[in-house]
Amino acid sequence: MNQLFIKIRGVVAIIIMIIAAYQIVSGIGMWLVNRGTIDAPGMAMFFYRTHQPMGFVFLFIALAHLTLNRKILISDLKILRGKK
């Protein structure tokens, strides 16, 4: 397989991990602000303004990830169904 293709797949996977970590942290932050546990208006506004757009970026990157790894995904699905 082309080395550039493999590097692109690696970069996409790392971006997915970073965005997923941010989504988890911002989601927990918004939850704590809504409960009244944390009184940090600046942090709350930052999370509320960035959580949804980062979710859409995550969606598009995940679609790119599935596209780049479709052969592996199809192979795994065939194994799960018991076909060779």
N, C-alpha and C. Protein backbone atom coordinates (compact mmCIF):
# COMPACT_ATOMS: atom_id res chain seq x y z
N MET A 1 0.85 -1.18 0.00
CA MET A 1 0.00 0.00 0.00
C MET A 1 0.89 1.24 0.00
N ASN A 2 0.41 2.27 -0.59
CA ASN A 2 1.16 3.52 -0.70
C ASN A 2 1.44 4.10 0.70
N GLN A 3 2.68 4.48 0.94
CA GLN A 3 3.07 5.02 2.26
C GLN A 3 2.34 6.32 2.59
N LEU A 4 2.10 7.16 1.58
CA LEU A 4 1.37 8.40 1.81
C LEU A 4 -0.05 8.11 2.28
N PHE A 5 -0.69 7.13 1.67
CA PHE A 5 -2.05 6.74 2.04
C PHE A 5 -2.10 6.26 3.48
N ILE A 6 -1.11 5.48 3.87
CA ILE A 6 -1.05 4.99 5.25
C ILE A 6 -0.84 6.15 6.23
N LYS A 7 0.00 7.12 5.86
CA LYS A 7 0.22 8.28 6.73
C LYS A 7 -1.05 9.12 6.86
N ILE A 8 -1.79 9.28 5.77
CA ILE A 8 -3.05 10.04 5.81
C ILE A 8 -4.03 9.35 6.75
N ARG A 9 -4.12 8.02 6.65
CA ARG A 9 -5.02 7.28 7.55
C ARG A 9 -4.62 7.48 9.00
N GLY A 10 -3.33 7.50 9.28
CA GLY A 10 -2.86 7.72 10.64
C GLY A 10 -3.20 9.11 11.15
N VAL A 11 -3.01 10.12 10.31
CA VAL A 11 -3.33 11.49 10.69
C VAL A 11 -4.82 11.63 10.97
N VAL A 12 -5.66 11.03 10.12
CA VAL A 12 -7.11 11.10 10.32
C VAL A 12 -7.49 10.43 11.64
N ALA A 13 -6.89 9.30 11.95
CA ALA A 13 -7.18 8.60 13.21
C ALA A 13 -6.78 9.45 14.42
N ILE A 14 -5.64 10.11 14.34
CA ILE A 14 -5.19 10.98 15.44
C ILE A 14 -6.13 12.17 15.60
N ILE A 15 -6.57 12.76 14.50
CA ILE A 15 -7.51 13.88 14.58
C ILE A 15 -8.82 13.43 15.22
N ILE A 16 -9.28 12.23 14.89
CA ILE A 16 -10.50 11.71 15.50
C ILE A 16 -10.33 11.57 17.02
N MET A 17 -9.20 11.05 17.45
CA MET A 17 -8.96 10.90 18.89
C MET A 17 -8.93 12.26 19.59
N ILE A 18 -8.30 13.25 18.98
CA ILE A 18 -8.21 14.59 19.59
C ILE A 18 -9.59 15.21 19.70
N ILE A 19 -10.37 15.14 18.61
CA ILE A 19 -11.70 15.76 18.63
C ILE A 19 -12.61 15.02 19.60
N ALA A 20 -12.51 13.69 19.66
CA ALA A 20 -13.34 12.93 20.60
C ALA A 20 -13.00 13.33 22.04
N ALA A 21 -11.73 13.49 22.35
CA ALA A 21 -11.34 13.92 23.70
C ALA A 21 -11.90 15.31 24.01
N TYR A 22 -11.83 16.23 23.03
CA TYR A 22 -12.38 17.56 23.24
C TYR A 22 -13.89 17.50 23.46
N GLN A 23 -14.58 16.67 22.66
CA GLN A 23 -16.03 16.57 22.80
C GLN A 23 -16.40 16.05 24.19
N ILE A 24 -15.65 15.10 24.69
CA ILE A 24 -15.92 14.56 26.02
C ILE A 24 -15.70 15.63 27.08
N VAL A 25 -14.59 16.34 26.99
CA VAL A 25 -14.28 17.38 27.99
C VAL A 25 -15.30 18.51 27.93
N SER A 26 -15.65 18.96 26.73
CA SER A 26 -16.60 20.07 26.62
C SER A 26 -18.00 19.63 27.04
N GLY A 27 -18.36 18.39 26.75
CA GLY A 27 -19.66 17.89 27.18
C GLY A 27 -19.76 17.81 28.69
N ILE A 28 -18.71 17.33 29.33
CA ILE A 28 -18.69 17.28 30.80
C ILE A 28 -18.72 18.70 31.37
N GLY A 29 -17.97 19.61 30.74
CA GLY A 29 -17.97 21.00 31.19
C GLY A 29 -19.35 21.64 31.10
N MET A 30 -20.04 21.41 29.98
CA MET A 30 -21.39 21.97 29.84
C MET A 30 -22.35 21.35 30.85
N TRP A 31 -22.20 20.06 31.11
CA TRP A 31 -23.05 19.39 32.08
C TRP A 31 -22.83 19.96 33.49
N LEU A 32 -21.55 20.19 33.84
CA LEU A 32 -21.26 20.75 35.17
C LEU A 32 -21.76 22.18 35.31
N VAL A 33 -21.68 22.95 34.23
CA VAL A 33 -22.19 24.32 34.26
C VAL A 33 -23.70 24.30 34.43
N ASN A 34 -24.39 23.40 33.70
CA ASN A 34 -25.85 23.32 33.81
C ASN A 34 -26.30 22.89 35.20
N ARG A 35 -25.52 22.04 35.85
CA ARG A 35 -25.86 21.60 37.20
C ARG A 35 -25.59 22.68 38.23
N GLY A 36 -24.81 23.68 37.87
CA GLY A 36 -24.46 24.73 38.81
C GLY A 36 -23.23 24.40 39.63
N THR A 37 -22.56 23.32 39.30
CA THR A 37 -21.37 22.91 40.03
C THR A 37 -20.22 23.87 39.79
N ILE A 38 -20.11 24.36 38.56
CA ILE A 38 -19.04 25.29 38.19
C ILE A 38 -19.67 26.61 37.79
N ASP A 39 -19.11 27.69 38.30
CA ASP A 39 -19.59 29.02 37.94
C ASP A 39 -18.48 29.73 37.19
N ALA A 40 -18.34 29.38 35.92
CA ALA A 40 -17.31 29.97 35.07
C ALA A 40 -17.96 30.38 33.75
N PRO A 41 -18.48 31.61 33.68
CA PRO A 41 -19.19 32.02 32.47
C PRO A 41 -18.32 31.99 31.21
N GLY A 42 -17.05 32.33 31.33
CA GLY A 42 -16.18 32.32 30.16
C GLY A 42 -15.99 30.92 29.61
N MET A 43 -15.76 29.97 30.50
CA MET A 43 -15.60 28.58 30.08
C MET A 43 -16.90 28.04 29.50
N ALA A 44 -18.02 28.39 30.12
CA ALA A 44 -19.31 27.91 29.62
C ALA A 44 -19.58 28.43 28.21
N MET A 45 -19.34 29.71 27.97
CA MET A 45 -19.57 30.27 26.64
C MET A 45 -18.65 29.64 25.61
N PHE A 46 -17.40 29.39 25.99
CA PHE A 46 -16.46 28.75 25.06
C PHE A 46 -16.96 27.36 24.67
N PHE A 47 -17.37 26.57 25.67
CA PHE A 47 -17.84 25.23 25.38
C PHE A 47 -19.13 25.25 24.56
N TYR A 48 -20.06 26.14 24.92
CA TYR A 48 -21.32 26.20 24.20
C TYR A 48 -21.14 26.67 22.75
N ARG A 49 -20.15 27.50 22.51
CA ARG A 49 -19.91 27.99 21.14
C ARG A 49 -19.11 27.01 20.30
N THR A 50 -18.31 26.15 20.91
CA THR A 50 -17.43 25.28 20.13
C THR A 50 -17.86 23.82 20.09
N HIS A 51 -18.71 23.38 21.00
CA HIS A 51 -19.06 21.96 21.07
C HIS A 51 -19.77 21.49 19.80
N GLN A 52 -20.78 22.22 19.35
CA GLN A 52 -21.53 21.79 18.18
C GLN A 52 -20.73 21.86 16.88
N PRO A 53 -20.01 22.96 16.60
CA PRO A 53 -19.20 22.94 15.37
C PRO A 53 -18.14 21.84 15.36
N MET A 54 -17.54 21.56 16.51
CA MET A 54 -16.55 20.48 16.57
C MET A 54 -17.23 19.13 16.35
N GLY A 55 -18.48 19.01 16.74
CA GLY A 55 -19.23 17.79 16.47
C GLY A 55 -19.41 17.57 14.98
N PHE A 56 -19.69 18.64 14.24
CA PHE A 56 -19.82 18.52 12.79
C PHE A 56 -18.48 18.19 12.14
N VAL A 57 -17.40 18.79 12.63
CA VAL A 57 -16.06 18.46 12.12
C VAL A 57 -15.78 16.99 12.39
N PHE A 58 -16.15 16.53 13.58
CA PHE A 58 -15.98 15.12 13.93
C PHE A 58 -16.74 14.22 12.97
N LEU A 59 -17.96 14.61 12.61
CA LEU A 59 -18.76 13.83 11.67
C LEU A 59 -18.07 13.70 10.32
N PHE A 60 -17.57 14.80 9.79
CA PHE A 60 -16.93 14.77 8.48
C PHE A 60 -15.61 14.00 8.51
N ILE A 61 -14.86 14.15 9.58
CA ILE A 61 -13.60 13.40 9.71
C ILE A 61 -13.90 11.90 9.86
N ALA A 62 -14.95 11.56 10.60
CA ALA A 62 -15.32 10.15 10.75
C ALA A 62 -15.74 9.55 9.41
N LEU A 63 -16.47 10.32 8.60
CA LEU A 63 -16.84 9.84 7.27
C LEU A 63 -15.60 9.63 6.40
N ALA A 64 -14.64 10.54 6.50
CA ALA A 64 -13.39 10.38 5.76
C ALA A 64 -12.65 9.13 6.25
N HIS A 65 -12.67 8.89 7.55
CA HIS A 65 -12.02 7.72 8.13
C HIS A 65 -12.65 6.43 7.60
N LEU A 66 -13.99 6.39 7.56
CA LEU A 66 -14.67 5.22 7.03
C LEU A 66 -14.36 5.01 5.55
N THR A 67 -14.28 6.10 4.81
CA THR A 67 -13.96 6.00 3.39
C THR A 67 -12.54 5.48 3.18
N LEU A 68 -11.60 5.99 3.94
CA LEU A 68 -10.22 5.55 3.80
C LEU A 68 -10.00 4.10 4.22
N ASN A 69 -10.82 3.62 5.14
CA ASN A 69 -10.66 2.27 5.68
C ASN A 69 -11.78 1.33 5.24
N ARG A 70 -12.40 1.59 4.11
CA ARG A 70 -13.56 0.78 3.70
C ARG A 70 -13.20 -0.68 3.43
N LYS A 71 -12.02 -0.94 2.89
CA LYS A 71 -11.64 -2.34 2.63
C LYS A 71 -11.49 -3.12 3.93
N ILE A 72 -10.90 -2.49 4.92
CA ILE A 72 -10.75 -3.14 6.23
C ILE A 72 -12.11 -3.36 6.86
N LEU A 73 -13.00 -2.37 6.76
CA LEU A 73 -14.34 -2.46 7.33
C LEU A 73 -15.14 -3.58 6.66
N ILE A 74 -15.10 -3.64 5.34
CA ILE A 74 -15.83 -4.68 4.62
C ILE A 74 -15.29 -6.06 4.98
N SER A 75 -13.98 -6.17 5.08
CA SER A 75 -13.37 -7.45 5.48
C SER A 75 -13.83 -7.87 6.87
N ASP A 76 -13.85 -6.94 7.80
CA ASP A 76 -14.30 -7.24 9.16
C ASP A 76 -15.77 -7.63 9.19
N LEU A 77 -16.59 -6.95 8.41
CA LEU A 77 -18.02 -7.29 8.36
C LEU A 77 -18.24 -8.68 7.78
N LYS A 78 -17.47 -9.05 6.77
CA LYS A 78 -17.59 -10.39 6.19
C LYS A 78 -17.20 -11.44 7.22
N ILE A 79 -16.17 -11.20 7.99
CA ILE A 79 -15.76 -12.15 9.02
C ILE A 79 -16.84 -12.28 10.08
N LEU A 80 -17.46 -11.16 10.45
CA LEU A 80 -18.53 -11.20 11.46
C LEU A 80 -19.73 -12.00 10.97
N ARG A 81 -20.02 -11.91 9.68
CA ARG A 81 -21.15 -12.64 9.12
C ARG A 81 -20.82 -14.10 8.81
N GLY A 82 -19.55 -14.47 8.91
CA GLY A 82 -19.13 -15.84 8.70
C GLY A 82 -18.85 -16.17 7.25
N LYS A 83 -18.71 -15.15 6.39
CA LYS A 83 -18.39 -15.38 4.98
C LYS A 83 -16.91 -15.14 4.76
N LYS A 84 -16.38 -15.79 3.74
CA LYS A 84 -14.96 -15.58 3.42
C LYS A 84 -14.80 -14.92 2.10
